[in-house]
Amino acid sequence: MRGRRVEKENPHRINGEITAPQVRVVGENIEAPVVLPIREAIKLADEMELDLVEISPKADPPVCRIVDYQKFLYQQKKKAKEIKAKAVKVVVKEIRFGPQTDDHDYNFKLRHAENFLKEGAKVKAYVFFRGRSIVFKEQGEILLLRFATDLEELAKVEMMPKLEGKRMSIMLAPKPKK
C-alpha cells in the first residue's frame, strides 16, 4: 500500500451509487416527500444541478435528499463540531490524605473539595498508606467516610471507599443544581 493514496469512502451513497429501485425524495425545492423510481429521482436532481443523497438507507423505501453534496457534508461537520463543543467535560480533582491526617489539614482539604464541587468537578479523595501504615486501614476508611458525610450537601458518593494496593479511594460527584 506504499505510495498509494487511499481515499476515505463517502459516508452516504450519492447519485448512481444508490441501489434501491424506488426512493422517497425530499429537498428544499420539493413541497412534499415523493416516491419515485431511482432514474427519475436522479434525473430530477440533475435538472436542479444538485446531487441525490441517500439519507436513510434502512427506510422503506430509502429516503434521499436533493442537495449540494459538498454543502451537505460541510453542514454535517459543523453540527458535529457544535455538539462536541457543547458536551460537558468532566474534570476529576484529587485530594490526598495520610491515615493520621489531623483536623486542621482535614478542614483545609475539605474546603478545597467544596470549591471543586461548586465548580462542577468530581473529587477523588484517597488515603495513601506508606510502609507499615497499612495497618491503619480502618482509620483511612473512617476518614474517607467522614469526608463524604461532610460533603453530602454538595456531592453524592459515586464509589464507596475501596482499597487498591497502597491507596484507599472514594469518588464524589457534584449533585445536580435544582
Protein backbone atom coordinates (compact mmCIF):
# COMPACT_ATOMS: atom_id res chain seq x y z
CA MET A 1 0.00 0.00 0.00
CA ARG A 2 3.05 2.27 -0.04
CA GLY A 3 2.77 5.29 -2.29
CA ARG A 4 -0.90 4.74 -2.98
CA ARG A 5 -3.34 7.30 -1.61
CA VAL A 6 -6.43 5.67 -0.15
CA GLU A 7 -9.42 7.98 -0.33
CA LYS A 8 -11.89 7.85 2.51
CA GLU A 9 -15.15 6.44 1.30
CA ASN A 10 -18.23 8.69 1.40
CA PRO A 11 -20.47 8.17 4.41
CA HIS A 12 -23.53 8.43 2.12
CA ARG A 13 -24.37 6.93 -1.23
CA ILE A 14 -24.94 9.57 -3.90
CA ASN A 15 -26.49 9.57 -7.38
CA GLY A 16 -25.53 6.36 -9.24
CA GLU A 17 -24.33 4.59 -6.07
CA ILE A 18 -27.92 4.27 -4.77
CA THR A 19 -29.14 0.71 -5.44
CA ALA A 20 -32.82 0.84 -4.39
CA PRO A 21 -35.36 0.62 -7.26
CA GLN A 22 -37.57 3.33 -5.69
CA VAL A 23 -36.73 6.16 -3.30
CA ARG A 24 -38.62 8.73 -1.26
CA VAL A 25 -37.33 12.12 -2.42
CA VAL A 26 -37.20 15.17 -0.15
CA GLY A 27 -35.46 18.51 -0.59
CA GLU A 28 -35.72 22.28 -0.29
CA ASN A 29 -37.41 22.70 -3.71
CA ILE A 30 -39.87 19.83 -3.16
CA GLU A 31 -43.08 20.64 -1.25
CA ALA A 32 -43.93 17.12 -0.02
CA PRO A 33 -41.93 13.86 0.00
CA VAL A 34 -42.48 11.94 -3.27
CA VAL A 35 -41.79 8.27 -4.03
CA LEU A 36 -40.06 7.98 -7.43
CA PRO A 37 -38.13 5.36 -9.39
CA ILE A 38 -34.38 5.88 -8.94
CA ARG A 39 -33.81 7.02 -12.56
CA GLU A 40 -36.44 9.75 -12.29
CA ALA A 41 -35.05 10.90 -8.94
CA ILE A 42 -31.52 11.20 -10.38
CA LYS A 43 -32.89 13.00 -13.44
CA LEU A 44 -34.78 15.44 -11.17
CA ALA A 45 -31.58 16.12 -9.19
CA ASP A 46 -29.62 16.68 -12.44
CA GLU A 47 -32.20 19.18 -13.67
CA MET A 48 -31.70 21.18 -10.45
CA GLU A 49 -27.89 20.78 -10.83
CA LEU A 50 -27.73 19.12 -7.40
CA ASP A 51 -26.95 15.64 -6.03
CA LEU A 52 -29.28 12.88 -4.88
CA VAL A 53 -28.00 11.81 -1.45
CA GLU A 54 -29.25 8.71 0.40
CA ILE A 55 -30.08 9.94 3.91
CA SER A 56 -31.89 6.98 5.43
CA PRO A 57 -30.99 3.73 3.62
CA LYS A 58 -32.87 1.45 6.05
CA ALA A 59 -36.26 3.11 5.50
CA ASP A 60 -38.76 1.54 3.11
CA PRO A 61 -38.36 3.00 0.51
CA PRO A 62 -34.98 4.64 1.29
CA VAL A 63 -35.10 8.40 1.86
CA CYS A 64 -32.98 10.54 -0.46
CA ARG A 65 -32.46 14.30 -0.37
CA ILE A 66 -31.77 16.55 -3.33
CA VAL A 67 -28.96 18.79 -2.12
CA ASP A 68 -25.48 20.08 -2.98
CA TYR A 69 -23.41 17.22 -1.50
CA GLN A 70 -20.34 19.27 -0.53
CA LYS A 71 -22.53 21.83 1.25
CA PHE A 72 -24.39 18.97 2.96
CA LEU A 73 -21.12 17.44 4.25
CA TYR A 74 -19.93 20.85 5.46
CA GLN A 75 -23.16 21.39 7.43
CA GLN A 76 -22.91 17.92 8.99
CA LYS A 77 -19.32 18.56 10.11
CA LYS A 78 -20.38 21.92 11.53
CA LYS A 79 -23.23 20.31 13.52
CA ALA A 80 -20.91 17.59 14.88
CA LYS A 81 -18.41 20.26 15.96
CA GLU A 82 -21.14 22.23 17.77
CA ILE A 83 -22.35 19.10 19.59
CA LYS A 84 -18.78 18.30 20.63
CA ALA A 85 -18.27 21.86 21.91
CA LYS A 86 -21.45 21.68 23.98
CA ALA A 87 -20.51 18.32 25.51
CA VAL A 88 -19.73 18.52 29.22
CA LYS A 89 -16.09 17.94 30.01
CA VAL A 90 -15.72 16.14 33.33
CA VAL A 91 -12.79 17.24 35.46
CA VAL A 92 -11.57 15.00 38.29
CA LYS A 93 -9.67 16.68 41.12
CA GLU A 94 -7.68 14.55 43.55
CA ILE A 95 -7.23 15.16 47.26
CA ARG A 96 -4.66 13.13 49.17
CA PHE A 97 -4.76 12.24 52.85
CA GLY A 98 -2.49 10.28 55.15
CA PRO A 99 -4.05 7.73 57.53
CA GLN A 100 -3.44 10.06 60.50
CA THR A 101 -4.37 13.43 58.98
CA ASP A 102 -5.07 15.93 61.75
CA ASP A 103 -8.15 18.20 61.92
CA HIS A 104 -6.53 21.37 60.55
CA ASP A 105 -5.25 19.62 57.39
CA TYR A 106 -8.56 17.77 57.05
CA ASN A 107 -10.59 21.02 57.20
CA PHE A 108 -8.22 22.73 54.74
CA LYS A 109 -8.67 19.89 52.23
CA LEU A 110 -12.43 19.80 52.88
CA ARG A 111 -12.73 23.49 51.89
CA HIS A 112 -10.80 22.77 48.68
CA ALA A 113 -13.11 19.86 47.89
CA GLU A 114 -16.16 22.10 48.46
CA ASN A 115 -14.77 24.63 45.96
CA PHE A 116 -14.06 21.90 43.40
CA LEU A 117 -17.60 20.52 43.72
CA LYS A 118 -19.12 24.01 43.39
CA GLU A 119 -17.16 24.44 40.15
CA GLY A 120 -18.72 21.19 38.87
CA ALA A 121 -15.63 18.96 39.11
CA LYS A 122 -15.65 15.44 40.52
CA VAL A 123 -13.47 14.81 43.56
CA LYS A 124 -11.41 11.68 44.12
CA ALA A 125 -10.16 11.60 47.70
CA TYR A 126 -7.66 8.99 48.72
CA VAL A 127 -5.64 7.90 51.71
CA PHE A 128 -2.12 6.82 50.84
CA PHE A 129 -0.59 4.20 53.14
CA ARG A 130 3.22 4.24 53.42
CA GLY A 131 5.26 1.39 54.81
CA ARG A 132 3.63 -0.13 57.86
CA SER A 133 0.83 2.43 58.00
CA ILE A 134 -1.28 -0.11 56.06
CA VAL A 135 -2.25 -1.49 59.48
CA PHE A 136 -4.41 1.67 59.87
CA LYS A 137 -6.80 0.67 57.04
CA GLU A 138 -9.83 1.20 59.30
CA GLN A 139 -8.67 4.73 60.16
CA GLY A 140 -8.34 5.51 56.45
CA GLU A 141 -11.83 4.21 55.73
CA ILE A 142 -13.30 6.19 58.65
CA LEU A 143 -11.54 9.33 57.39
CA LEU A 144 -12.95 8.93 53.85
CA LEU A 145 -16.48 8.20 55.11
CA ARG A 146 -16.30 11.28 57.36
CA PHE A 147 -15.15 13.28 54.31
CA ALA A 148 -18.17 12.00 52.30
CA THR A 149 -20.65 12.81 55.09
CA ASP A 150 -19.19 16.32 55.50
CA LEU A 151 -19.75 16.92 51.78
CA GLU A 152 -23.15 15.21 51.44
CA GLU A 153 -24.96 18.54 50.87
CA LEU A 154 -22.79 19.28 47.81
CA ALA A 155 -21.95 15.81 46.49
CA LYS A 156 -23.14 12.26 46.08
CA VAL A 157 -20.86 9.27 46.52
CA GLU A 158 -20.11 7.58 43.19
CA MET A 159 -17.74 4.98 44.59
CA MET A 160 -17.51 3.83 48.21
CA PRO A 161 -14.05 3.56 49.84
CA LYS A 162 -12.06 0.85 48.10
CA LEU A 163 -8.52 -0.32 48.78
CA GLU A 164 -6.33 -0.58 45.67
CA GLY A 165 -2.77 -1.52 46.58
CA LYS A 166 -1.49 1.15 48.98
CA ARG A 167 -4.31 3.62 48.38
CA MET A 168 -7.89 3.65 49.57
CA SER A 169 -10.04 5.97 47.47
CA ILE A 170 -13.56 7.35 47.28
CA MET A 171 -15.19 9.19 44.36
CA LEU A 172 -17.61 12.09 44.82
CA ALA A 173 -19.66 13.77 42.09
CA PRO A 174 -21.40 17.14 42.42
CA LYS A 175 -25.15 17.00 43.00
CA PRO A 176 -27.18 18.41 40.11
CA LYS A 177 -28.28 22.01 40.66
CA LYS A 178 -32.01 22.50 41.12
